[in-house]
Amino acid sequence: MFYHSENGQEFVGLRALRNGRHQIVYDAVSGERVVVTIKDTAASTNTIDAALQEGIRAHKVLAGVLNALKARNIKFDLAL
């Protein structure tokens, strides 16, 4: 699952790791890249996807995604 912001300047995507965990990748045209590792192994792909869809529509996409994860009580690690 992946999404581009309406203006095409930002991207968020979900990837699965070999150990079964998930990561969210945030990329901006400005060159900023942030990887968010989902610590909550019980979080479903559908729930994470819903957070991505909510976040991509936010004025500040990365903050929107993180707030959407927090609202769903999904624990994560943020690597800048």
PDB file of N, CA and C in Angstrom:
ATOM      1  N   MET A   1       0.827  -1.163   0.000  1.00  0.00           N
ATOM      2  CA  MET A   1       0.000   0.000   0.000  1.00  0.00           C
ATOM      3  C   MET A   1       0.882   1.241   0.000  1.00  0.00           C
ATOM      4  N   PHE A   2       0.539   2.167  -0.841  1.00  0.00           N
ATOM      5  CA  PHE A   2       1.281   3.415  -0.877  1.00  0.00           C
ATOM      6  C   PHE A   2       0.381   4.515  -1.390  1.00  0.00           C
ATOM      7  N   TYR A   3       0.709   5.745  -0.989  1.00  0.00           N
ATOM      8  CA  TYR A   3      -0.109   6.896  -1.343  1.00  0.00           C
ATOM      9  C   TYR A   3       0.784   8.099  -1.600  1.00  0.00           C
ATOM     10  N   HIS A   4       0.353   8.936  -2.529  1.00  0.00           N
ATOM     11  CA  HIS A   4       1.002  10.217  -2.794  1.00  0.00           C
ATOM     12  C   HIS A   4       0.057  11.328  -2.337  1.00  0.00           C
ATOM     13  N   SER A   5       0.647  12.394  -1.820  1.00  0.00           N
ATOM     14  CA  SER A   5      -0.171  13.532  -1.419  1.00  0.00           C
ATOM     15  C   SER A   5      -0.812  14.148  -2.653  1.00  0.00           C
ATOM     16  N   GLU A   6      -1.849  14.905  -2.442  1.00  0.00           N
ATOM     17  CA  GLU A   6      -2.589  15.512  -3.550  1.00  0.00           C
ATOM     18  C   GLU A   6      -1.689  16.375  -4.438  1.00  0.00           C
ATOM     19  N   ASN A   7      -0.735  17.061  -3.826  1.00  0.00           N
ATOM     20  CA  ASN A   7       0.161  17.918  -4.608  1.00  0.00           C
ATOM     21  C   ASN A   7       1.358  17.147  -5.189  1.00  0.00           C
ATOM     22  N   GLY A   8       1.460  15.856  -4.895  1.00  0.00           N
ATOM     23  CA  GLY A   8       2.518  15.016  -5.441  1.00  0.00           C
ATOM     24  C   GLY A   8       3.880  15.226  -4.807  1.00  0.00           C
ATOM     25  N   GLN A   9       3.942  15.979  -3.721  1.00  0.00           N
ATOM     26  CA  GLN A   9       5.221  16.305  -3.088  1.00  0.00           C
ATOM     27  C   GLN A   9       5.647  15.313  -2.011  1.00  0.00           C
ATOM     28  N   GLU A  10       4.717  14.479  -1.546  1.00  0.00           N
ATOM     29  CA  GLU A  10       5.009  13.546  -0.459  1.00  0.00           C
ATOM     30  C   GLU A  10       4.440  12.170  -0.757  1.00  0.00           C
ATOM     31  N   PHE A  11       5.096  11.162  -0.196  1.00  0.00           N
ATOM     32  CA  PHE A  11       4.746   9.764  -0.424  1.00  0.00           C
ATOM     33  C   PHE A  11       4.795   9.034   0.906  1.00  0.00           C
ATOM     34  N   VAL A  12       3.844   8.161   1.148  1.00  0.00           N
ATOM     35  CA  VAL A  12       3.911   7.226   2.270  1.00  0.00           C
ATOM     36  C   VAL A  12       3.612   5.832   1.735  1.00  0.00           C
ATOM     37  N   GLY A  13       4.341   4.869   2.238  1.00  0.00           N
ATOM     38  CA  GLY A  13       4.137   3.495   1.807  1.00  0.00           C
ATOM     39  C   GLY A  13       4.347   2.533   2.960  1.00  0.00           C
ATOM     40  N   LEU A  14       3.736   1.383   2.862  1.00  0.00           N
ATOM     41  CA  LEU A  14       3.845   0.349   3.887  1.00  0.00           C
ATOM     42  C   LEU A  14       4.615  -0.822   3.300  1.00  0.00           C
ATOM     43  N   ARG A  15       5.619  -1.286   4.040  1.00  0.00           N
ATOM     44  CA  ARG A  15       6.361  -2.456   3.582  1.00  0.00           C
ATOM     45  C   ARG A  15       6.461  -3.469   4.711  1.00  0.00           C
ATOM     46  N   ALA A  16       6.520  -4.738   4.323  1.00  0.00           N
ATOM     47  CA  ALA A  16       6.635  -5.835   5.283  1.00  0.00           C
ATOM     48  C   ALA A  16       8.092  -6.278   5.344  1.00  0.00           C
ATOM     49  N   LEU A  17       8.570  -6.508   6.533  1.00  0.00           N
ATOM     50  CA  LEU A  17       9.924  -7.002   6.725  1.00  0.00           C
ATOM     51  C   LEU A  17       9.920  -8.526   6.808  1.00  0.00           C
ATOM     52  N   ARG A  18      11.083  -9.135   6.667  1.00  0.00           N
ATOM     53  CA  ARG A  18      11.170 -10.600   6.712  1.00  0.00           C
ATOM     54  C   ARG A  18      10.737 -11.172   8.046  1.00  0.00           C
ATOM     55  N   ASN A  19      10.883 -10.393   9.115  1.00  0.00           N
ATOM     56  CA  ASN A  19      10.508 -10.884  10.445  1.00  0.00           C
ATOM     57  C   ASN A  19       9.015 -10.728  10.729  1.00  0.00           C
ATOM     58  N   GLY A  20       8.248 -10.283   9.729  1.00  0.00           N
ATOM     59  CA  GLY A  20       6.805 -10.144   9.890  1.00  0.00           C
ATOM     60  C   GLY A  20       6.347  -8.780  10.361  1.00  0.00           C
ATOM     61  N   ARG A  21       7.277  -7.929  10.752  1.00  0.00           N
ATOM     62  CA  ARG A  21       6.921  -6.568  11.170  1.00  0.00           C
ATOM     63  C   ARG A  21       6.698  -5.689   9.950  1.00  0.00           C
ATOM     64  N   HIS A  22       6.171  -4.503  10.207  1.00  0.00           N
ATOM     65  CA  HIS A  22       5.894  -3.551   9.133  1.00  0.00           C
ATOM     66  C   HIS A  22       6.647  -2.253   9.357  1.00  0.00           C
ATOM     67  N   GLN A  23       6.930  -1.572   8.258  1.00  0.00           N
ATOM     68  CA  GLN A  23       7.520  -0.246   8.301  1.00  0.00           C
ATOM     69  C   GLN A  23       6.732   0.669   7.385  1.00  0.00           C
ATOM     70  N   ILE A  24       6.628   1.912   7.800  1.00  0.00           N
ATOM     71  CA  ILE A  24       6.057   2.957   6.968  1.00  0.00           C
ATOM     72  C   ILE A  24       7.222   3.814   6.495  1.00  0.00           C
ATOM     73  N   VAL A  25       7.262   4.059   5.200  1.00  0.00           N
ATOM     74  CA  VAL A  25       8.296   4.911   4.629  1.00  0.00           C
ATOM     75  C   VAL A  25       7.638   6.212   4.190  1.00  0.00           C
ATOM     76  N   TYR A  26       8.209   7.327   4.645  1.00  0.00           N
ATOM     77  CA  TYR A  26       7.748   8.656   4.255  1.00  0.00           C
ATOM     78  C   TYR A  26       8.864   9.288   3.427  1.00  0.00           C
ATOM     79  N   ASP A  27       8.540   9.750   2.242  1.00  0.00           N
ATOM     80  CA  ASP A  27       9.491  10.458   1.388  1.00  0.00           C
ATOM     81  C   ASP A  27       8.876  11.759   0.931  1.00  0.00           C
ATOM     82  N   ALA A  28       9.687  12.802   0.926  1.00  0.00           N
ATOM     83  CA  ALA A  28       9.252  14.103   0.420  1.00  0.00           C
ATOM     84  C   ALA A  28      10.168  14.502  -0.726  1.00  0.00           C
ATOM     85  N   VAL A  29       9.644  15.290  -1.644  1.00  0.00           N
ATOM     86  CA  VAL A  29      10.417  15.779  -2.780  1.00  0.00           C
ATOM     87  C   VAL A  29      11.643  16.546  -2.290  1.00  0.00           C
ATOM     88  N   SER A  30      11.540  17.146  -1.120  1.00  0.00           N
ATOM     89  CA  SER A  30      12.651  17.916  -0.555  1.00  0.00           C
ATOM     90  C   SER A  30      13.853  17.043  -0.198  1.00  0.00           C
ATOM     91  N   GLY A  31      13.676  15.719  -0.246  1.00  0.00           N
ATOM     92  CA  GLY A  31      14.762  14.805   0.077  1.00  0.00           C
ATOM     93  C   GLY A  31      14.642  14.189   1.459  1.00  0.00           C
ATOM     94  N   GLU A  32      13.670  14.634   2.225  1.00  0.00           N
ATOM     95  CA  GLU A  32      13.474  14.077   3.566  1.00  0.00           C
ATOM     96  C   GLU A  32      12.931  12.663   3.467  1.00  0.00           C
ATOM     97  N   ARG A  33      13.529  11.741   4.214  1.00  0.00           N
ATOM     98  CA  ARG A  33      13.042  10.369   4.287  1.00  0.00           C
ATOM     99  C   ARG A  33      12.991   9.960   5.746  1.00  0.00           C
ATOM    100  N   VAL A  34      11.865   9.398   6.145  1.00  0.00           N
ATOM    101  CA  VAL A  34      11.676   8.935   7.516  1.00  0.00           C
ATOM    102  C   VAL A  34      11.107   7.524   7.441  1.00  0.00           C
ATOM    103  N   VAL A  35      11.667   6.651   8.265  1.00  0.00           N
ATOM    104  CA  VAL A  35      11.172   5.277   8.354  1.00  0.00           C
ATOM    105  C   VAL A  35      10.570   5.086   9.741  1.00  0.00           C
ATOM    106  N   VAL A  36       9.339   4.616   9.761  1.00  0.00           N
ATOM    107  CA  VAL A  36       8.613   4.375  11.005  1.00  0.00           C
ATOM    108  C   VAL A  36       8.416   2.866  11.124  1.00  0.00           C
ATOM    109  N   THR A  37       8.978   2.270  12.159  1.00  0.00           N
ATOM    110  CA  THR A  37       8.826   0.830  12.377  1.00  0.00           C
ATOM    111  C   THR A  37       7.666   0.602  13.330  1.00  0.00           C
ATOM    112  N   ILE A  38       6.733  -0.210  12.904  1.00  0.00           N
ATOM    113  CA  ILE A  38       5.573  -0.538  13.733  1.00  0.00           C
ATOM    114  C   ILE A  38       6.004  -1.575  14.761  1.00  0.00           C
ATOM    115  N   LYS A  39       5.912  -1.229  16.034  1.00  0.00           N
ATOM    116  CA  LYS A  39       6.295  -2.136  17.112  1.00  0.00           C
ATOM    117  C   LYS A  39       5.144  -3.057  17.510  1.00  0.00           C
ATOM    118  N   ASP A  40       3.943  -2.618  17.255  1.00  0.00           N
ATOM    119  CA  ASP A  40       2.737  -3.340  17.656  1.00  0.00           C
ATOM    120  C   ASP A  40       2.471  -4.470  16.669  1.00  0.00           C
ATOM    121  N   THR A  41       2.858  -5.695  17.027  1.00  0.00           N
ATOM    122  CA  THR A  41       2.687  -6.837  16.116  1.00  0.00           C
ATOM    123  C   THR A  41       1.214  -7.216  15.947  1.00  0.00           C
ATOM    124  N   ALA A  42       0.357  -6.759  16.845  1.00  0.00           N
ATOM    125  CA  ALA A  42      -1.072  -7.064  16.745  1.00  0.00           C
ATOM    126  C   ALA A  42      -1.803  -6.115  15.803  1.00  0.00           C
ATOM    127  N   ALA A  43      -1.147  -5.034  15.377  1.00  0.00           N
ATOM    128  CA  ALA A  43      -1.800  -4.062  14.490  1.00  0.00           C
ATOM    129  C   ALA A  43      -1.993  -4.689  13.113  1.00  0.00           C
ATOM    130  N   SER A  44      -3.221  -4.667  12.642  1.00  0.00           N
ATOM    131  CA  SER A  44      -3.514  -5.270  11.337  1.00  0.00           C
ATOM    132  C   SER A  44      -3.082  -4.344  10.205  1.00  0.00           C
ATOM    133  N   THR A  45      -2.827  -4.946   9.070  1.00  0.00           N
ATOM    134  CA  THR A  45      -2.467  -4.182   7.879  1.00  0.00           C
ATOM    135  C   THR A  45      -3.576  -3.203   7.522  1.00  0.00           C
ATOM    136  N   ASN A  46      -4.820  -3.615   7.691  1.00  0.00           N
ATOM    137  CA  ASN A  46      -5.951  -2.731   7.378  1.00  0.00           C
ATOM    138  C   ASN A  46      -5.974  -1.502   8.284  1.00  0.00           C
ATOM    139  N   THR A  47      -5.654  -1.681   9.556  1.00  0.00           N
ATOM    140  CA  THR A  47      -5.639  -0.564  10.493  1.00  0.00           C
ATOM    141  C   THR A  47      -4.502   0.400  10.165  1.00  0.00           C
ATOM    142  N   ILE A  48      -3.335  -0.147   9.842  1.00  0.00           N
ATOM    143  CA  ILE A  48      -2.200   0.697   9.464  1.00  0.00           C
ATOM    144  C   ILE A  48      -2.522   1.438   8.172  1.00  0.00           C
ATOM    145  N   ASP A  49      -3.136   0.744   7.216  1.00  0.00           N
ATOM    146  CA  ASP A  49      -3.515   1.376   5.953  1.00  0.00           C
ATOM    147  C   ASP A  49      -4.491   2.521   6.178  1.00  0.00           C
ATOM    148  N   ALA A  50      -5.436   2.341   7.087  1.00  0.00           N
ATOM    149  CA  ALA A  50      -6.385   3.410   7.391  1.00  0.00           C
ATOM    150  C   ALA A  50      -5.651   4.638   7.946  1.00  0.00           C
ATOM    151  N   ALA A  51      -4.624   4.403   8.758  1.00  0.00           N
ATOM    152  CA  ALA A  51      -3.827   5.513   9.293  1.00  0.00           C
ATOM    153  C   ALA A  51      -3.070   6.224   8.168  1.00  0.00           C
ATOM    154  N   LEU A  52      -2.552   5.466   7.213  1.00  0.00           N
ATOM    155  CA  LEU A  52      -1.864   6.077   6.071  1.00  0.00           C
ATOM    156  C   LEU A  52      -2.820   6.924   5.249  1.00  0.00           C
ATOM    157  N   GLN A  53      -4.008   6.399   4.994  1.00  0.00           N
ATOM    158  CA  GLN A  53      -4.993   7.137   4.206  1.00  0.00           C
ATOM    159  C   GLN A  53      -5.408   8.430   4.908  1.00  0.00           C
ATOM    160  N   GLU A  54      -5.535   8.370   6.224  1.00  0.00           N
ATOM    161  CA  GLU A  54      -5.882   9.574   6.985  1.00  0.00           C
ATOM    162  C   GLU A  54      -4.725  10.575   6.950  1.00  0.00           C
ATOM    163  N   GLY A  55      -3.523  10.086   7.163  1.00  0.00           N
ATOM    164  CA  GLY A  55      -2.356  10.953   7.230  1.00  0.00           C
ATOM    165  C   GLY A  55      -2.013  11.624   5.918  1.00  0.00           C
ATOM    166  N   ILE A  56      -2.184  10.944   4.805  1.00  0.00           N
ATOM    167  CA  ILE A  56      -1.808  11.513   3.505  1.00  0.00           C
ATOM    168  C   ILE A  56      -2.678  12.717   3.154  1.00  0.00           C
ATOM    169  N   ARG A  57      -3.843  12.816   3.760  1.00  0.00           N
ATOM    170  CA  ARG A  57      -4.740  13.950   3.500  1.00  0.00           C
ATOM    171  C   ARG A  57      -4.465  15.138   4.409  1.00  0.00           C
ATOM    172  N   ALA A  58      -3.579  14.967   5.389  1.00  0.00           N
ATOM    173  CA  ALA A  58      -3.278  16.045   6.337  1.00  0.00           C
ATOM    174  C   ALA A  58      -2.393  17.109   5.684  1.00  0.00           C
ATOM    175  N   HIS A  59      -2.484  18.322   6.187  1.00  0.00           N
ATOM    176  CA  HIS A  59      -1.647  19.422   5.688  1.00  0.00           C
ATOM    177  C   HIS A  59      -0.166  19.078   5.869  1.00  0.00           C
ATOM    178  N   LYS A  60       0.186  18.539   7.032  1.00  0.00           N
ATOM    179  CA  LYS A  60       1.536  18.042   7.301  1.00  0.00           C
ATOM    180  C   LYS A  60       1.440  16.519   7.340  1.00  0.00           C
ATOM    181  N   VAL A  61       1.823  15.892   6.239  1.00  0.00           N
ATOM    182  CA  VAL A  61       1.580  14.465   6.045  1.00  0.00           C
ATOM    183  C   VAL A  61       2.234  13.605   7.117  1.00  0.00           C
ATOM    184  N   LEU A  62       3.511  13.785   7.383  1.00  0.00           N
ATOM    185  CA  LEU A  62       4.185  12.941   8.374  1.00  0.00           C
ATOM    186  C   LEU A  62       3.521  13.067   9.737  1.00  0.00           C
ATOM    187  N   ALA A  63       3.263  14.286  10.167  1.00  0.00           N
ATOM    188  CA  ALA A  63       2.579  14.496  11.447  1.00  0.00           C
ATOM    189  C   ALA A  63       1.196  13.860  11.414  1.00  0.00           C
ATOM    190  N   GLY A  64       0.517  13.943  10.283  1.00  0.00           N
ATOM    191  CA  GLY A  64      -0.806  13.337  10.151  1.00  0.00           C
ATOM    192  C   GLY A  64      -0.765  11.829  10.300  1.00  0.00           C
ATOM    193  N   VAL A  65       0.234  11.195   9.689  1.00  0.00           N
ATOM    194  CA  VAL A  65       0.372   9.738   9.804  1.00  0.00           C
ATOM    195  C   VAL A  65       0.667   9.352  11.252  1.00  0.00           C
ATOM    196  N   LEU A  66       1.603  10.046  11.880  1.00  0.00           N
ATOM    197  CA  LEU A  66       1.958   9.726  13.265  1.00  0.00           C
ATOM    198  C   LEU A  66       0.777   9.927  14.206  1.00  0.00           C
ATOM    199  N   ASN A  67       0.027  10.994  14.005  1.00  0.00           N
ATOM    200  CA  ASN A  67      -1.168  11.233  14.835  1.00  0.00           C
ATOM    201  C   ASN A  67      -2.223  10.161  14.608  1.00  0.00           C
ATOM    202  N   ALA A  68      -2.366   9.727  13.360  1.00  0.00           N
ATOM    203  CA  ALA A  68      -3.341   8.675  13.057  1.00  0.00           C
ATOM    204  C   ALA A  68      -2.933   7.349  13.703  1.00  0.00           C
ATOM    205  N   LEU A  69      -1.637   7.051  13.730  1.00  0.00           N
ATOM    206  CA  LEU A  69      -1.163   5.842  14.414  1.00  0.00           C
ATOM    207  C   LEU A  69      -1.432   5.939  15.912  1.00  0.00           C
ATOM    208  N   LYS A  70      -1.119   7.093  16.496  1.00  0.00           N
ATOM    209  CA  LYS A  70      -1.357   7.301  17.929  1.00  0.00           C
ATOM    210  C   LYS A  70      -2.833   7.176  18.264  1.00  0.00           C
ATOM    211  N   ALA A  71      -3.698   7.723  17.421  1.00  0.00           N
ATOM    212  CA  ALA A  71      -5.142   7.659  17.660  1.00  0.00           C
ATOM    213  C   ALA A  71      -5.648   6.223  17.668  1.00  0.00           C
ATOM    214  N   ARG A  72      -4.941   5.355  16.957  1.00  0.00           N
ATOM    215  CA  ARG A  72      -5.316   3.941  16.890  1.00  0.00           C
ATOM    216  C   ARG A  72      -4.531   3.096  17.889  1.00  0.00           C
ATOM    217  N   ASN A  73      -3.772   3.746  18.758  1.00  0.00           N
ATOM    218  CA  ASN A  73      -2.964   3.070  19.777  1.00  0.00           C
ATOM    219  C   ASN A  73      -1.978   2.081  19.163  1.00  0.00           C
ATOM    220  N   ILE A  74      -1.395   2.438  18.046  1.00  0.00           N
ATOM    221  CA  ILE A  74      -0.388   1.602  17.409  1.00  0.00           C
ATOM    222  C   ILE A  74       0.979   2.124  17.829  1.00  0.00           C
ATOM    223  N   LYS A  75       1.753   1.280  18.473  1.00  0.00           N
ATOM    224  CA  LYS A  75       3.079   1.673  18.937  1.00  0.00           C
ATOM    225  C   LYS A  75       4.070   1.618  17.782  1.00  0.00           C
ATOM    226  N   PHE A  76       5.006   2.581  17.769  1.00  0.00           N
ATOM    227  CA  PHE A  76       5.975   2.655  16.683  1.00  0.00           C
ATOM    228  C   PHE A  76       7.277   3.269  17.151  1.00  0.00           C
ATOM    229  N   ASP A  77       8.332   3.020  16.373  1.00  0.00           N
ATOM    230  CA  ASP A  77       9.634   3.663  16.555  1.00  0.00           C
ATOM    231  C   ASP A  77       9.861   4.564  15.351  1.00  0.00           C
ATOM    232  N   LEU A  78      10.396   5.718  15.609  1.00  0.00           N
ATOM    233  CA  LEU A  78      10.620   6.704  14.548  1.00  0.00           C
ATOM    234  C   LEU A  78      12.113   6.831  14.313  1.00  0.00           C
ATOM    235  N   ALA A  79      12.554   6.563  13.082  1.00  0.00           N
ATOM    236  CA  ALA A  79      13.959   6.723  12.714  1.00  0.00           C
ATOM    237  C   ALA A  79      14.070   7.881  11.743  1.00  0.00           C
ATOM    238  N   LEU A  80      14.759   8.933  12.151  1.00  0.00           N
ATOM    239  CA  LEU A  80      14.903  10.112  11.300  1.00  0.00           C
ATOM    240  C   LEU A  80      16.160  10.023  10.472  1.00  0.00           C
TER     241      LEU A  80
END
